[in-house]
Amino acid sequence: MSATIFFVVLILLTVGVWGVVFIGLWYGRELLKRQQELTHLLLPYLQKVERDNSTMQALHIDKNEPIEKYREVTLPDKVCVSFTDTKEEK
């Protein structure tokens, strides 16, 4: 292989590597832009879910569970407490 062909192959490989790097950076930037758009769209819903989770509405206690462990628990006024039967699956 002559030195000219070797030099051309070396240049093509270098350009190819830089091309892959450039495409990777561009694609990553586009993905981050899309993620930022989706985050801005979903942010109000995420804040609403966090507020809804902070208010407990129901408490289900297994009938076999000792009630002593709930002695120190303070519940809001509108919480519905129900005792449920859970069957053990074998």
N, C-alpha and C. Protein backbone atom coordinates (compact mmCIF):
# COMPACT_ATOMS: atom_id res chain seq x y z
N MET A 1 0.85 -1.16 0.00
CA MET A 1 0.00 0.00 0.00
C MET A 1 0.90 1.23 0.00
N SER A 2 0.60 2.12 -0.86
CA SER A 2 1.46 3.30 -0.96
C SER A 2 1.10 4.29 0.14
N ALA A 3 1.96 5.21 0.36
CA ALA A 3 1.78 6.20 1.42
C ALA A 3 0.58 7.11 1.14
N THR A 4 0.29 7.37 -0.13
CA THR A 4 -0.84 8.24 -0.47
C THR A 4 -2.17 7.57 -0.11
N ILE A 5 -2.30 6.28 -0.45
CA ILE A 5 -3.53 5.54 -0.13
C ILE A 5 -3.68 5.43 1.39
N PHE A 6 -2.58 5.15 2.07
CA PHE A 6 -2.62 5.05 3.53
C PHE A 6 -3.06 6.38 4.15
N PHE A 7 -2.55 7.48 3.64
CA PHE A 7 -2.92 8.80 4.14
C PHE A 7 -4.40 9.11 3.89
N VAL A 8 -4.92 8.75 2.72
CA VAL A 8 -6.34 8.98 2.39
C VAL A 8 -7.22 8.14 3.30
N VAL A 9 -6.87 6.88 3.55
CA VAL A 9 -7.64 6.02 4.45
C VAL A 9 -7.61 6.59 5.86
N LEU A 10 -6.47 7.06 6.30
CA LEU A 10 -6.35 7.66 7.62
C LEU A 10 -7.24 8.90 7.75
N ILE A 11 -7.29 9.74 6.74
CA ILE A 11 -8.12 10.94 6.75
C ILE A 11 -9.61 10.54 6.76
N LEU A 12 -9.99 9.55 5.95
CA LEU A 12 -11.38 9.11 5.92
C LEU A 12 -11.82 8.55 7.28
N LEU A 13 -10.96 7.77 7.90
CA LEU A 13 -11.29 7.24 9.23
C LEU A 13 -11.42 8.36 10.26
N THR A 14 -10.54 9.34 10.20
CA THR A 14 -10.61 10.47 11.13
C THR A 14 -11.90 11.26 10.93
N VAL A 15 -12.23 11.53 9.68
CA VAL A 15 -13.47 12.26 9.37
C VAL A 15 -14.67 11.43 9.82
N GLY A 16 -14.63 10.12 9.62
CA GLY A 16 -15.73 9.25 10.03
C GLY A 16 -15.94 9.25 11.53
N VAL A 17 -14.84 9.19 12.28
CA VAL A 17 -14.95 9.21 13.74
C VAL A 17 -15.52 10.54 14.20
N TRP A 18 -15.03 11.65 13.65
CA TRP A 18 -15.57 12.95 14.04
C TRP A 18 -17.02 13.11 13.60
N GLY A 19 -17.38 12.51 12.48
CA GLY A 19 -18.78 12.53 12.04
C GLY A 19 -19.68 11.80 13.01
N VAL A 20 -19.24 10.64 13.49
CA VAL A 20 -20.02 9.88 14.47
C VAL A 20 -20.14 10.68 15.77
N VAL A 21 -19.06 11.31 16.19
CA VAL A 21 -19.09 12.13 17.41
C VAL A 21 -20.07 13.28 17.24
N PHE A 22 -20.01 13.95 16.10
CA PHE A 22 -20.91 15.08 15.84
C PHE A 22 -22.37 14.64 15.83
N ILE A 23 -22.67 13.53 15.14
CA ILE A 23 -24.04 13.02 15.09
C ILE A 23 -24.52 12.63 16.48
N GLY A 24 -23.65 12.01 17.27
CA GLY A 24 -24.02 11.63 18.64
C GLY A 24 -24.33 12.83 19.51
N LEU A 25 -23.52 13.86 19.42
CA LEU A 25 -23.76 15.07 20.20
C LEU A 25 -25.04 15.77 19.75
N TRP A 26 -25.26 15.86 18.45
CA TRP A 26 -26.47 16.49 17.94
C TRP A 26 -27.71 15.72 18.38
N TYR A 27 -27.69 14.40 18.26
CA TYR A 27 -28.84 13.58 18.63
C TYR A 27 -29.10 13.66 20.14
N GLY A 28 -28.05 13.66 20.94
CA GLY A 28 -28.21 13.81 22.39
C GLY A 28 -28.82 15.15 22.75
N ARG A 29 -28.41 16.19 22.06
CA ARG A 29 -28.98 17.52 22.31
C ARG A 29 -30.45 17.56 21.95
N GLU A 30 -30.83 16.92 20.84
CA GLU A 30 -32.24 16.87 20.45
C GLU A 30 -33.06 16.08 21.46
N LEU A 31 -32.50 15.00 21.98
CA LEU A 31 -33.21 14.22 23.00
C LEU A 31 -33.41 15.02 24.28
N LEU A 32 -32.40 15.77 24.68
CA LEU A 32 -32.53 16.61 25.87
C LEU A 32 -33.56 17.71 25.68
N LYS A 33 -33.63 18.29 24.47
CA LYS A 33 -34.66 19.29 24.20
C LYS A 33 -36.05 18.68 24.33
N ARG A 34 -36.23 17.49 23.77
CA ARG A 34 -37.53 16.81 23.83
C ARG A 34 -37.89 16.46 25.28
N GLN A 35 -36.90 16.01 26.04
CA GLN A 35 -37.14 15.70 27.44
C GLN A 35 -37.55 16.95 28.22
N GLN A 36 -36.92 18.07 27.93
CA GLN A 36 -37.27 19.32 28.60
C GLN A 36 -38.69 19.75 28.25
N GLU A 37 -39.10 19.59 26.99
CA GLU A 37 -40.46 19.93 26.59
C GLU A 37 -41.47 19.05 27.34
N LEU A 38 -41.21 17.75 27.39
CA LEU A 38 -42.12 16.84 28.08
C LEU A 38 -42.17 17.12 29.58
N THR A 39 -41.04 17.49 30.16
CA THR A 39 -41.02 17.82 31.58
C THR A 39 -41.88 19.04 31.86
N HIS A 40 -41.77 20.05 31.01
CA HIS A 40 -42.59 21.26 31.19
C HIS A 40 -44.08 20.96 31.00
N LEU A 41 -44.41 20.02 30.10
CA LEU A 41 -45.81 19.65 29.91
C LEU A 41 -46.35 18.85 31.10
N LEU A 42 -45.52 18.00 31.69
CA LEU A 42 -45.99 17.11 32.76
C LEU A 42 -45.84 17.70 34.15
N LEU A 43 -45.09 18.77 34.30
CA LEU A 43 -44.82 19.33 35.62
C LEU A 43 -46.08 19.70 36.40
N PRO A 44 -47.08 20.34 35.81
CA PRO A 44 -48.29 20.64 36.59
C PRO A 44 -48.99 19.38 37.09
N TYR A 45 -49.00 18.32 36.28
CA TYR A 45 -49.64 17.08 36.69
C TYR A 45 -48.86 16.40 37.82
N LEU A 46 -47.53 16.47 37.76
CA LEU A 46 -46.71 15.87 38.81
C LEU A 46 -46.92 16.59 40.14
N GLN A 47 -47.03 17.90 40.10
CA GLN A 47 -47.27 18.65 41.34
C GLN A 47 -48.65 18.31 41.90
N LYS A 48 -49.65 18.11 41.04
CA LYS A 48 -50.99 17.76 41.50
C LYS A 48 -50.98 16.38 42.16
N VAL A 49 -50.26 15.43 41.57
CA VAL A 49 -50.18 14.09 42.14
C VAL A 49 -49.50 14.13 43.50
N GLU A 50 -48.46 14.93 43.64
CA GLU A 50 -47.79 15.03 44.94
C GLU A 50 -48.73 15.62 45.99
N ARG A 51 -49.55 16.60 45.63
CA ARG A 51 -50.51 17.16 46.59
C ARG A 51 -51.57 16.13 46.94
N ASP A 52 -52.05 15.36 45.95
CA ASP A 52 -53.08 14.36 46.21
C ASP A 52 -52.57 13.24 47.10
N ASN A 53 -51.30 12.88 46.95
CA ASN A 53 -50.73 11.82 47.78
C ASN A 53 -50.54 12.26 49.22
N SER A 54 -50.44 13.56 49.45
CA SER A 54 -50.21 14.03 50.81
C SER A 54 -51.47 13.91 51.66
N THR A 55 -52.63 13.79 51.06
CA THR A 55 -53.88 13.65 51.79
C THR A 55 -54.33 12.19 51.75
N MET A 56 -54.29 11.54 52.88
CA MET A 56 -54.71 10.15 52.95
C MET A 56 -56.24 10.12 53.04
N GLN A 57 -56.85 9.22 52.25
CA GLN A 57 -58.30 9.14 52.24
C GLN A 57 -58.82 7.83 52.81
N ALA A 58 -58.02 6.78 52.80
CA ALA A 58 -58.48 5.49 53.31
C ALA A 58 -57.30 4.72 53.89
N LEU A 59 -57.61 3.90 54.89
CA LEU A 59 -56.60 3.06 55.52
C LEU A 59 -57.19 1.66 55.64
N HIS A 60 -56.49 0.68 55.05
CA HIS A 60 -56.94 -0.70 55.11
C HIS A 60 -56.00 -1.47 56.03
N ILE A 61 -56.57 -2.07 57.07
CA ILE A 61 -55.79 -2.82 58.05
C ILE A 61 -56.25 -4.27 57.99
N ASP A 62 -55.29 -5.17 57.97
CA ASP A 62 -55.60 -6.60 57.96
C ASP A 62 -56.17 -6.99 59.32
N LYS A 63 -57.14 -7.88 59.33
CA LYS A 63 -57.77 -8.30 60.59
C LYS A 63 -56.79 -9.04 61.50
N ASN A 64 -55.80 -9.68 60.92
CA ASN A 64 -54.82 -10.43 61.71
C ASN A 64 -53.69 -9.55 62.23
N GLU A 65 -53.65 -8.32 61.82
CA GLU A 65 -52.57 -7.41 62.22
C GLU A 65 -52.89 -6.83 63.61
N PRO A 66 -51.88 -6.75 64.46
CA PRO A 66 -52.13 -6.21 65.80
C PRO A 66 -52.44 -4.71 65.73
N ILE A 67 -53.48 -4.32 66.41
CA ILE A 67 -53.93 -2.92 66.40
C ILE A 67 -53.01 -2.03 67.22
N GLU A 68 -52.19 -2.64 68.07
CA GLU A 68 -51.27 -1.88 68.94
C GLU A 68 -50.29 -1.03 68.14
N LYS A 69 -49.93 -1.47 66.96
CA LYS A 69 -48.93 -0.71 66.21
C LYS A 69 -49.49 0.59 65.65
N TYR A 70 -50.80 0.76 65.65
CA TYR A 70 -51.44 1.99 65.18
C TYR A 70 -51.85 2.91 66.33
N ARG A 71 -51.38 2.63 67.52
CA ARG A 71 -51.77 3.40 68.70
C ARG A 71 -51.35 4.87 68.59
N GLU A 72 -50.16 5.13 68.07
CA GLU A 72 -49.62 6.49 68.02
C GLU A 72 -49.94 7.21 66.71
N VAL A 73 -50.69 6.57 65.81
CA VAL A 73 -50.98 7.17 64.50
C VAL A 73 -52.12 8.18 64.63
N THR A 74 -51.92 9.36 64.09
CA THR A 74 -52.96 10.38 64.06
C THR A 74 -53.43 10.53 62.62
N LEU A 75 -54.72 10.33 62.40
CA LEU A 75 -55.27 10.38 61.06
C LEU A 75 -56.10 11.64 60.85
N PRO A 76 -56.17 12.13 59.62
CA PRO A 76 -57.06 13.26 59.33
C PRO A 76 -58.52 12.85 59.56
N ASP A 77 -59.41 13.84 59.63
CA ASP A 77 -60.81 13.60 59.97
C ASP A 77 -61.55 12.74 58.95
N LYS A 78 -61.27 12.91 57.68
CA LYS A 78 -62.06 12.25 56.64
C LYS A 78 -61.48 10.92 56.19
N VAL A 79 -60.63 10.30 56.97
CA VAL A 79 -60.03 9.02 56.59
C VAL A 79 -60.98 7.89 56.95
N CYS A 80 -61.20 7.01 55.97
CA CYS A 80 -62.06 5.85 56.19
C CYS A 80 -61.18 4.66 56.53
N VAL A 81 -61.35 4.10 57.72
CA VAL A 81 -60.55 2.95 58.15
C VAL A 81 -61.39 1.69 57.96
N SER A 82 -60.83 0.71 57.27
CA SER A 82 -61.54 -0.55 57.08
C SER A 82 -60.62 -1.71 57.41
N PHE A 83 -61.21 -2.75 57.99
CA PHE A 83 -60.47 -3.95 58.33
C PHE A 83 -60.77 -5.00 57.27
N THR A 84 -59.72 -5.54 56.66
CA THR A 84 -59.90 -6.46 55.55
C THR A 84 -59.35 -7.83 55.91
N ASP A 85 -59.90 -8.82 55.24
CA ASP A 85 -59.42 -10.19 55.36
C ASP A 85 -58.51 -10.48 54.17
N THR A 86 -57.26 -10.83 54.45
CA THR A 86 -56.37 -11.24 53.36
C THR A 86 -56.09 -12.71 53.52
N LYS A 87 -56.26 -13.45 52.45
CA LYS A 87 -56.03 -14.88 52.49
C LYS A 87 -54.62 -15.15 52.00
N GLU A 88 -53.92 -16.00 52.71
CA GLU A 88 -52.56 -16.33 52.33
C GLU A 88 -52.60 -17.27 51.15
N GLU A 89 -51.83 -16.93 50.10
CA GLU A 89 -51.76 -17.79 48.93
C GLU A 89 -50.55 -18.70 49.07
N LYS A 90 -50.78 -19.95 48.77
CA LYS A 90 -49.68 -20.95 48.88
C LYS A 90 -49.24 -21.38 47.52
